[in-house]
Amino acid sequence: MKNITLLLTLALFKSTLIAQNSTCKCCTEKHSEFDFWIGTWEVINPDGTKAGENTIEKIQGDCVLQENWTSTTPGYTGTSNNFYNNKTKQWEQIWIDNQGQSLHLKGNKVGNQMILRTDDEKNSEGKTFFHRITWTDNEDGTVRQLWETITNDKDVTVAFDGLYKRKN
């Protein structure tokens, strides 16, 4: 009798797990496209100096990729929430730092790159610009993050270029 009760309990537990897994709204291939960025990272500038550290993890039932950045610049931190928007069929990032700055980026994965950009804005000179951030999933396990500001669809300024190396 104990064995039958144990078997029934295990069967019920297993069916509950299967039911829970089948209701995961964000367990799709599209929702995992940015998973290459998950991890605890040391971020290096092009000149070899340390830019900061970043931790990226999945939260909210695997629906949100949350970033927590700490710069080597004392007192500068920021957080982003990244998610695949089923309605618009694109990725979005909402970045907010401890200086009150924010960015809202949108885009998609192309090959081994996640490419997100802001909407067009006007600068103080009346010129149209936007920010584009590209994360490249490198074969060696590193990730390059390149943040560019594009003015008048032609003038490109690099705002940030960091190489993510996994911390052990």
Protein backbone atom coordinates (compact mmCIF):
# COMPACT_ATOMS: atom_id res chain seq x y z
CA MET A 1 0.00 0.00 0.00
CA LYS A 2 2.88 2.38 0.79
CA ASN A 3 4.37 1.74 -2.64
CA ILE A 4 1.08 2.49 -4.40
CA THR A 5 0.65 5.71 -2.42
CA LEU A 6 4.22 6.72 -3.25
CA LEU A 7 3.72 5.98 -6.97
CA LEU A 8 0.47 7.97 -7.05
CA THR A 9 2.16 10.88 -5.26
CA LEU A 10 5.06 10.84 -7.73
CA ALA A 11 2.69 10.65 -10.71
CA LEU A 12 0.68 13.60 -9.40
CA PHE A 13 3.88 15.61 -8.78
CA LYS A 14 5.16 14.84 -12.29
CA SER A 15 1.87 15.83 -13.94
CA THR A 16 1.87 19.09 -11.95
CA LEU A 17 5.39 19.89 -13.20
CA ILE A 18 4.40 19.15 -16.80
CA ALA A 19 1.33 21.37 -16.47
CA GLN A 20 3.44 24.18 -15.02
CA ASN A 21 6.02 23.91 -17.81
CA SER A 22 3.39 23.94 -20.54
CA THR A 23 1.99 27.25 -19.26
CA CYS A 24 5.28 29.12 -19.59
CA LYS A 25 4.38 32.10 -21.79
CA CYS A 26 8.00 33.09 -22.42
CA CYS A 27 9.58 29.69 -23.08
CA THR A 28 9.80 30.20 -26.83
CA GLU A 29 12.71 30.43 -29.23
CA LYS A 30 12.06 34.17 -29.73
CA HIS A 31 12.19 34.77 -25.96
CA SER A 32 15.59 33.07 -25.74
CA GLU A 33 17.32 35.00 -28.56
CA PHE A 34 19.11 37.32 -26.13
CA ASP A 35 20.12 34.55 -23.69
CA PHE A 36 23.73 34.76 -24.92
CA TRP A 37 24.00 37.90 -22.76
CA ILE A 38 23.02 36.12 -19.52
CA GLY A 39 25.84 35.90 -17.01
CA THR A 40 28.14 37.77 -14.68
CA TRP A 41 30.60 39.82 -16.68
CA GLU A 42 33.67 42.00 -16.47
CA VAL A 43 33.46 44.63 -19.22
CA ILE A 44 36.65 45.86 -20.89
CA ASN A 45 37.18 49.07 -22.91
CA PRO A 46 38.98 48.92 -26.30
CA ASP A 47 42.18 50.20 -24.60
CA GLY A 48 42.15 47.21 -22.21
CA THR A 49 41.00 49.10 -19.10
CA LYS A 50 38.04 47.89 -17.08
CA ALA A 51 34.76 49.70 -17.86
CA GLY A 52 32.71 47.99 -15.18
CA GLU A 53 30.82 44.87 -14.22
CA ASN A 54 27.44 43.65 -15.35
CA THR A 55 25.08 40.92 -14.24
CA ILE A 56 22.32 39.79 -16.58
CA GLU A 57 19.68 37.31 -15.44
CA LYS A 58 16.25 36.07 -16.43
CA ILE A 59 13.39 37.05 -14.13
CA GLN A 60 9.59 37.13 -14.16
CA GLY A 61 9.07 33.57 -15.39
CA ASP A 62 11.83 33.93 -18.01
CA CYS A 63 9.96 36.87 -19.60
CA VAL A 64 12.49 39.59 -18.69
CA LEU A 65 16.25 39.76 -19.09
CA GLN A 66 17.38 42.15 -16.36
CA GLU A 67 20.73 43.94 -16.48
CA ASN A 68 22.45 45.44 -13.44
CA TRP A 69 25.46 47.58 -14.39
CA THR A 70 28.15 48.99 -12.10
CA SER A 71 30.69 51.28 -13.75
CA THR A 72 34.28 51.76 -12.67
CA THR A 73 33.30 55.44 -12.62
CA PRO A 74 32.49 55.83 -8.92
CA GLY A 75 28.79 56.06 -8.13
CA TYR A 76 27.46 55.23 -11.60
CA THR A 77 25.01 52.33 -11.93
CA GLY A 78 22.12 51.41 -14.16
CA THR A 79 19.49 48.77 -14.78
CA SER A 80 17.72 47.63 -17.91
CA ASN A 81 14.78 45.37 -18.51
CA ASN A 82 14.82 43.60 -21.86
CA PHE A 83 11.87 41.66 -23.23
CA TYR A 84 10.39 40.25 -26.40
CA ASN A 85 7.17 42.10 -27.15
CA ASN A 86 4.70 39.63 -28.67
CA LYS A 87 2.45 42.46 -29.88
CA THR A 88 5.10 44.31 -31.89
CA LYS A 89 7.22 41.21 -32.68
CA GLN A 90 10.41 42.89 -31.53
CA TRP A 91 12.76 43.15 -28.59
CA GLU A 92 12.63 46.18 -26.32
CA GLN A 93 15.00 47.54 -23.70
CA ILE A 94 14.18 50.13 -21.05
CA TRP A 95 17.37 51.48 -19.45
CA ILE A 96 17.40 53.75 -16.40
CA ASP A 97 20.53 54.84 -14.53
CA ASN A 98 21.09 56.43 -11.14
CA GLN A 99 21.65 59.81 -12.84
CA GLY A 100 18.05 59.92 -14.09
CA GLN A 101 18.93 59.13 -17.71
CA SER A 102 16.82 56.65 -19.67
CA LEU A 103 16.72 54.96 -23.06
CA HIS A 104 13.97 53.00 -24.78
CA LEU A 105 15.36 50.80 -27.53
CA LYS A 106 13.62 48.44 -29.96
CA GLY A 107 14.79 45.95 -32.54
CA ASN A 108 15.56 42.34 -33.35
CA LYS A 109 18.26 39.73 -33.57
CA VAL A 110 20.05 39.49 -36.90
CA GLY A 111 22.46 36.57 -37.18
CA ASN A 112 24.65 36.61 -34.06
CA GLN A 113 23.75 40.21 -33.17
CA MET A 114 20.96 41.81 -31.17
CA ILE A 115 20.44 45.26 -32.71
CA LEU A 116 18.24 47.75 -30.85
CA ARG A 117 17.70 51.46 -31.49
CA THR A 118 15.82 54.43 -30.11
CA ASP A 119 13.22 56.41 -31.99
CA ASP A 120 14.46 59.48 -33.87
CA GLU A 121 14.99 62.63 -31.80
CA LYS A 122 16.22 66.18 -32.50
CA ASN A 123 19.37 67.56 -30.90
CA SER A 124 19.90 71.18 -29.82
CA GLU A 125 20.99 72.05 -33.39
CA GLY A 126 17.75 70.62 -34.83
CA LYS A 127 19.52 67.61 -36.35
CA THR A 128 17.83 64.21 -36.29
CA PHE A 129 19.64 61.50 -34.36
CA PHE A 130 19.10 58.09 -32.79
CA HIS A 131 21.03 55.67 -30.60
CA ARG A 132 21.79 52.15 -31.81
CA ILE A 133 23.22 49.47 -29.54
CA THR A 134 24.49 46.20 -30.99
CA TRP A 135 25.38 43.14 -28.89
CA THR A 136 27.50 40.60 -30.78
CA ASP A 137 27.62 36.98 -29.61
CA ASN A 138 31.26 36.10 -30.33
CA GLU A 139 32.42 32.53 -30.98
CA ASP A 140 34.86 32.66 -28.04
CA GLY A 141 32.02 33.24 -25.53
CA THR A 142 32.58 36.98 -25.17
CA VAL A 143 29.96 39.58 -26.07
CA ARG A 144 30.74 42.94 -27.65
CA GLN A 145 28.41 45.84 -26.90
CA LEU A 146 28.71 48.76 -29.31
CA TRP A 147 26.63 51.90 -28.65
CA GLU A 148 26.55 54.35 -31.53
CA THR A 149 24.80 57.70 -31.95
CA ILE A 150 23.83 58.30 -35.57
CA THR A 151 23.09 61.89 -36.66
CA ASN A 152 21.42 62.75 -39.98
CA ASP A 153 21.57 59.02 -40.88
CA LYS A 154 25.30 59.30 -41.64
CA ASP A 155 27.45 60.77 -38.87
CA VAL A 156 28.33 58.03 -36.39
CA THR A 157 29.77 58.65 -32.92
CA VAL A 158 30.73 55.74 -30.66
CA ALA A 159 29.33 56.32 -27.17
CA PHE A 160 30.50 52.99 -25.73
CA ASP A 161 32.44 49.95 -26.95
CA GLY A 162 32.80 47.20 -24.39
CA LEU A 163 33.91 43.59 -24.49
CA TYR A 164 32.10 41.35 -22.01
CA LYS A 165 34.24 38.59 -20.48
CA ARG A 166 32.61 36.06 -18.17
CA LYS A 167 33.65 36.20 -14.52
CA ASN A 168 34.38 32.85 -12.91
